[in-house]
Protein backbone atom coordinates (compact mmCIF):
# COMPACT_ATOMS: atom_id res chain seq x y z
CA MET A 1 7.58 11.06 -6.70
CA ARG A 2 6.25 9.82 -10.04
CA TYR A 3 7.72 6.79 -11.80
CA THR A 4 6.90 5.87 -15.38
CA VAL A 5 7.32 2.20 -16.24
CA PRO A 6 9.84 1.73 -19.08
CA TYR A 7 9.39 -0.19 -22.31
CA GLY A 8 8.65 -3.87 -21.79
CA GLY A 9 6.97 -3.36 -18.42
CA ARG A 10 8.43 -3.98 -14.99
CA ARG A 11 7.51 -6.21 -12.04
CA LEU A 12 6.34 -4.43 -8.89
CA ASP A 13 9.19 -5.84 -6.82
CA GLN A 14 11.70 -4.48 -9.35
CA ILE A 15 10.07 -1.04 -9.18
CA ALA A 16 10.23 -1.14 -5.38
CA ARG A 17 13.92 -2.11 -5.47
CA GLU A 18 14.75 0.68 -7.94
CA THR A 19 12.82 3.43 -6.19
CA LEU A 20 12.69 2.48 -2.51
CA ARG A 21 15.97 0.50 -2.43
CA SER A 22 14.26 -2.71 -1.28
CA GLU A 23 11.53 -5.10 -2.33
CA ARG A 24 10.99 -6.25 1.26
CA GLY A 25 9.41 -4.84 4.39
CA GLY A 26 6.13 -3.90 2.78
CA THR A 27 7.50 -1.79 -0.09
CA VAL A 28 5.34 -3.47 -2.74
CA GLU A 29 2.29 -3.08 -0.53
CA ALA A 30 3.11 0.60 0.03
CA ILE A 31 3.22 1.18 -3.73
CA LEU A 32 -0.11 -0.62 -4.18
CA THR A 33 -1.66 1.43 -1.36
CA ALA A 34 -0.43 4.70 -2.91
CA ASN A 35 -1.92 3.71 -6.28
CA PRO A 36 -5.53 2.53 -5.95
CA GLY A 37 -6.50 0.48 -8.99
CA LEU A 38 -2.91 -0.43 -9.91
CA ALA A 39 -3.52 -4.09 -9.11
CA THR A 40 -6.19 -4.26 -11.84
CA LEU A 41 -3.64 -3.11 -14.45
CA LEU A 42 -1.13 -5.83 -13.64
CA ASP A 43 -0.41 -8.54 -16.17
CA GLY A 44 0.59 -11.22 -13.68
CA ALA A 45 3.05 -9.26 -11.54
CA THR A 46 4.14 -6.95 -14.37
CA VAL A 47 3.07 -3.32 -14.63
CA PRO A 48 2.56 -2.37 -18.31
CA ALA A 49 5.01 0.01 -19.99
CA GLY A 50 4.02 3.67 -19.88
CA THR A 51 2.07 3.36 -16.63
CA SER A 52 2.70 6.29 -14.29
CA ILE A 53 2.99 5.26 -10.64
CA GLU A 54 3.11 7.36 -7.47
CA ILE A 55 6.00 6.25 -5.24
CA PRO A 56 5.35 7.04 -1.54
CA GLU A 57 8.10 9.36 -0.30
CA THR A 58 7.19 8.98 3.36
CA TYR A 59 7.47 5.19 3.34
CA ARG A 60 8.91 3.57 6.47
CA PRO A 61 9.83 -0.12 6.25
CA ALA A 62 7.91 -2.53 8.43
CA VAL A 63 9.69 -3.44 11.63
CA GLY A 64 10.80 -7.04 11.30
CA SER A 65 10.84 -9.51 14.10
CA ARG A 66 14.12 -10.95 15.28
CA ARG A 67 14.93 -14.29 13.71
CA VAL A 68 15.44 -17.17 16.09
CA LEU A 69 17.46 -20.08 14.82
CA ALA A 70 16.62 -23.61 15.89
CA TRP A 71 20.02 -24.08 17.56
CA GLU A 72 19.83 -20.91 19.66
């Protein structure tokens, strides 16, 4: 799926949340992997407006480890 960044630019985590429904579990990394050279276009963490990005459709979130609380 192609995503074109709207006017004003958009942060990578915002793009991941909009397209992949989460900014966690490696979604930002998956977008960067699917778009070689995208990191060089970034202005800080913002992708410039008009940039066309490939969103990986076969993305599977990273399996998280179980959280252990100090009082458990």
